[in-house]
Amino acid sequence: MKGLILTGALGAGKTTAQRGLVDNYGFWTPRTVVTRQVLPAETELSQVELEAFRVGVLKGEYVLPARFGGHWYAWVSADFETLCKPSDRCAVLNVRPYTALVLSTIFRELTPVWLSIDEGERARRLSARAQVRDVEQAQFTERAHSDAEESDYEPLFHYRVLSGPGLIEALLSVLGERTHRDGC
C-alpha cells in the first residue's frame, strides 16, 4: 500500500492534512482509538476508557499502543492488517516521530514526511487548541514536553514539508507524479 506517514510538531497541520487527503483525494486512514476525550470534529478518533483500551491491547484488538500527552493511542488491529495487504489505494497515517520512523521501515511504500511550521503560526494554533482540547494546564504541559523531546527526530526525515497554503499539493508531490495523476 502506497501513501504517506505524517509527523511533526504539535500544531503543524498533520490532522488537517490527513483530513484533506482523505476527503478530497480518496486516501484511507486507519481508525485510531484514544483514552482522552474526543471532540466532535475528530471523526478519525474513537474514545475508549482506559480499562477497555488495556483489555483491547491484551486481546489483540488494538495494535501499536503509544502514550502521548498523558493518554494512550492505538490502531484497530483489522485496519493495521489492511495496511499489510497489497493495495492500489493510498494510505495516510498521522503518528508521532518515532512511530513514523518504525513504520517506514516496515511499510517501504509509505513515505514519512515531517511537517514543519512557522513558530508564530504554531503558537497561534496551539493557543486556540488549548482552549478547546488541552483545557487542563497539566495536560497541555505534558503534551508540550513530549513534543519538545520529539523534535530531535526531525533531522532523521528526508522529506520535510512546510505547513500552510499549498500543503496538500506539496504532500502529493512527495508521492510523485503518478500518485497525483491517479488521485489515489
Protein backbone atom coordinates (compact mmCIF):
# COMPACT_ATOMS: atom_id res chain seq x y z
CA MET A 1 0.00 0.00 0.00
CA LYS A 2 1.48 3.33 -1.01
CA GLY A 3 0.95 6.57 0.86
CA LEU A 4 2.27 8.98 3.44
CA ILE A 5 3.21 8.91 7.09
CA LEU A 6 2.73 12.40 8.51
CA THR A 7 4.57 13.55 11.60
CA GLY A 8 5.97 16.69 13.17
CA ALA A 9 5.35 19.10 15.99
CA LEU A 10 2.01 19.74 17.65
CA GLY A 11 0.06 22.25 15.59
CA ALA A 12 1.99 21.62 12.36
CA GLY A 13 -1.16 20.60 10.47
CA LYS A 14 -0.88 16.81 10.44
CA THR A 15 -4.54 16.15 11.16
CA THR A 16 -5.71 18.89 8.78
CA ALA A 17 -3.54 17.44 6.00
CA GLN A 18 -4.74 13.92 6.80
CA ARG A 19 -8.38 15.00 6.56
CA GLY A 20 -7.73 16.87 3.31
CA LEU A 21 -6.13 13.83 1.71
CA VAL A 22 -8.93 11.53 2.90
CA ASP A 23 -11.79 13.87 2.00
CA ASN A 24 -10.50 15.21 -1.33
CA TYR A 25 -8.14 12.60 -2.73
CA GLY A 26 -9.57 9.26 -1.58
CA PHE A 27 -6.78 8.36 0.82
CA TRP A 28 -7.56 5.86 3.53
CA THR A 29 -6.53 6.12 7.20
CA PRO A 30 -6.64 3.52 9.97
CA ARG A 31 -9.13 4.00 12.76
CA THR A 32 -7.48 5.27 15.94
CA VAL A 33 -8.68 4.67 19.50
CA VAL A 34 -7.65 7.05 22.28
CA THR A 35 -8.15 7.24 26.03
CA ARG A 36 -8.63 11.02 26.01
CA GLN A 37 -11.85 12.87 25.36
CA VAL A 38 -12.55 13.11 21.63
CA LEU A 39 -14.02 16.28 20.16
CA PRO A 40 -16.93 16.01 17.68
CA ALA A 41 -14.68 17.28 14.85
CA GLU A 42 -12.15 14.49 15.47
CA THR A 43 -14.01 11.96 13.35
CA GLU A 44 -10.89 9.85 12.79
CA LEU A 45 -10.68 9.06 16.53
CA SER A 46 -12.76 6.90 18.85
CA GLN A 47 -12.63 7.32 22.60
CA VAL A 48 -12.29 4.23 24.80
CA GLU A 49 -11.97 4.04 28.56
CA LEU A 50 -8.53 3.16 29.90
CA GLU A 51 -9.54 -0.32 31.10
CA ALA A 52 -11.23 -1.13 27.76
CA PHE A 53 -8.08 0.08 25.99
CA ARG A 54 -5.89 -2.18 28.13
CA VAL A 55 -8.14 -5.18 27.54
CA GLY A 56 -8.29 -4.43 23.80
CA VAL A 57 -4.50 -4.36 23.56
CA LEU A 58 -4.19 -7.62 25.50
CA LYS A 59 -6.80 -9.28 23.25
CA GLY A 60 -5.07 -8.01 20.10
CA GLU A 61 -7.98 -5.77 19.12
CA TYR A 62 -5.72 -2.68 19.23
CA VAL A 63 -2.14 -2.54 17.98
CA LEU A 64 0.86 -0.23 18.26
CA PRO A 65 -0.19 1.33 21.57
CA ALA A 66 1.66 4.57 22.25
CA ARG A 67 1.41 7.09 25.04
CA PHE A 68 1.42 10.79 24.26
CA GLY A 69 0.36 13.74 26.36
CA GLY A 70 -0.82 11.54 29.21
CA HIS A 71 -3.14 9.43 27.04
CA TRP A 72 -2.96 6.19 25.11
CA TYR A 73 -3.42 5.86 21.34
CA ALA A 74 -3.62 2.71 19.16
CA TRP A 75 -4.98 1.46 15.87
CA VAL A 76 -7.75 -1.04 15.37
CA SER A 77 -5.89 -4.26 14.51
CA ALA A 78 -8.07 -5.02 11.47
CA ASP A 79 -7.00 -1.69 9.96
CA PHE A 80 -3.34 -2.47 10.61
CA GLU A 81 -3.86 -5.76 8.80
CA THR A 82 -5.29 -3.79 5.86
CA LEU A 83 -2.06 -1.78 5.76
CA CYS A 84 -0.15 -5.04 5.44
CA LYS A 85 -2.03 -6.13 2.30
CA PRO A 86 -1.13 -5.04 -1.23
CA SER A 87 -3.48 -2.35 -2.49
CA ASP A 88 -3.69 0.37 -5.11
CA ARG A 89 -5.35 2.60 -2.54
CA CYS A 90 -3.24 5.26 -0.83
CA ALA A 91 -2.98 5.46 2.94
CA VAL A 92 -2.21 8.46 5.13
CA LEU A 93 -1.03 7.93 8.70
CA ASN A 94 -0.71 10.59 11.39
CA VAL A 95 1.73 9.46 14.07
CA ARG A 96 4.46 10.64 16.42
CA PRO A 97 8.02 10.81 15.01
CA TYR A 98 9.45 7.60 16.45
CA THR A 99 6.42 5.63 15.27
CA ALA A 100 6.77 7.21 11.82
CA LEU A 101 10.35 6.01 11.55
CA VAL A 102 9.45 2.50 12.69
CA LEU A 103 6.50 2.24 10.32
CA SER A 104 8.60 3.50 7.40
CA THR A 105 10.95 0.54 7.87
CA ILE A 106 8.02 -1.90 7.91
CA PHE A 107 5.98 -0.33 5.10
CA ARG A 108 8.54 0.72 2.47
CA GLU A 109 5.86 2.13 0.14
CA LEU A 110 4.71 4.62 2.79
CA THR A 111 6.76 7.81 2.72
CA PRO A 112 7.48 9.50 6.05
CA VAL A 113 7.13 13.30 5.93
CA TRP A 114 7.98 15.78 8.67
CA LEU A 115 5.57 18.73 8.67
CA SER A 116 7.13 21.94 9.89
CA ILE A 117 5.54 25.29 10.55
CA ASP A 118 6.45 28.87 11.31
CA GLU A 119 6.80 29.17 15.10
CA GLY A 120 4.48 32.19 15.31
CA GLU A 121 1.72 30.35 13.46
CA ARG A 122 2.34 27.27 15.56
CA ALA A 123 1.98 29.29 18.79
CA ARG A 124 -1.32 30.72 17.50
CA ARG A 125 -2.65 27.26 16.65
CA LEU A 126 -1.59 25.77 19.96
CA SER A 127 -3.23 28.63 21.85
CA ALA A 128 -6.51 28.01 20.02
CA ARG A 129 -6.20 24.27 20.59
CA ALA A 130 -5.56 24.71 24.31
CA GLN A 131 -8.89 26.49 24.64
CA VAL A 132 -10.72 23.52 23.11
CA ARG A 133 -8.77 20.31 23.71
CA ASP A 134 -5.96 20.86 26.20
CA VAL A 135 -8.06 22.80 28.68
CA GLU A 136 -6.17 21.46 31.68
CA GLN A 137 -2.77 23.13 32.06
CA ALA A 138 -1.14 19.89 33.23
CA GLN A 139 -2.31 18.11 30.09
CA PHE A 140 -1.08 20.91 27.83
CA THR A 141 2.28 20.96 29.63
CA GLU A 142 2.72 17.19 29.28
CA ARG A 143 1.88 17.29 25.56
CA ALA A 144 4.26 20.22 25.02
CA HIS A 145 7.06 18.44 26.90
CA SER A 146 6.60 15.24 24.86
CA ASP A 147 6.51 17.28 21.68
CA ALA A 148 9.72 19.15 22.55
CA GLU A 149 11.57 15.88 23.14
CA GLU A 150 10.38 14.51 19.81
CA SER A 151 11.72 17.49 17.84
CA ASP A 152 15.13 15.76 17.99
CA TYR A 153 13.81 13.33 15.36
CA GLU A 154 13.36 15.96 12.64
CA PRO A 155 16.85 15.57 11.09
CA LEU A 156 16.09 11.87 10.51
CA PHE A 157 13.40 12.67 7.94
CA HIS A 158 14.40 13.02 4.31
CA TYR A 159 11.13 14.71 3.35
CA ARG A 160 10.15 17.93 5.12
CA VAL A 161 7.18 19.98 4.05
CA LEU A 162 6.21 23.44 5.29
CA SER A 163 2.64 23.62 6.54
CA GLY A 164 0.40 26.36 5.17
CA PRO A 165 -1.08 27.18 1.77
CA GLY A 166 -0.19 24.51 -0.75
CA LEU A 167 0.42 21.83 1.89
CA ILE A 168 -1.71 19.16 0.22
CA GLU A 169 -0.12 19.81 -3.16
CA ALA A 170 3.35 19.58 -1.61
CA LEU A 171 2.45 16.27 0.02
CA LEU A 172 1.10 14.92 -3.25
CA SER A 173 4.30 15.93 -5.00
CA VAL A 174 6.26 13.92 -2.44
CA LEU A 175 4.38 10.85 -3.60
CA GLY A 176 5.28 11.62 -7.18
CA GLU A 177 3.51 12.42 -10.38
CA ARG A 178 1.83 9.03 -10.79
CA THR A 179 0.11 9.21 -7.42
CA HIS A 180 -1.03 12.76 -8.05
CA ARG A 181 -2.35 11.84 -11.50
CA ASP A 182 -4.18 8.77 -10.20
CA GLY A 183 -5.53 10.68 -7.19
CA CYS A 184 -5.04 7.58 -5.04
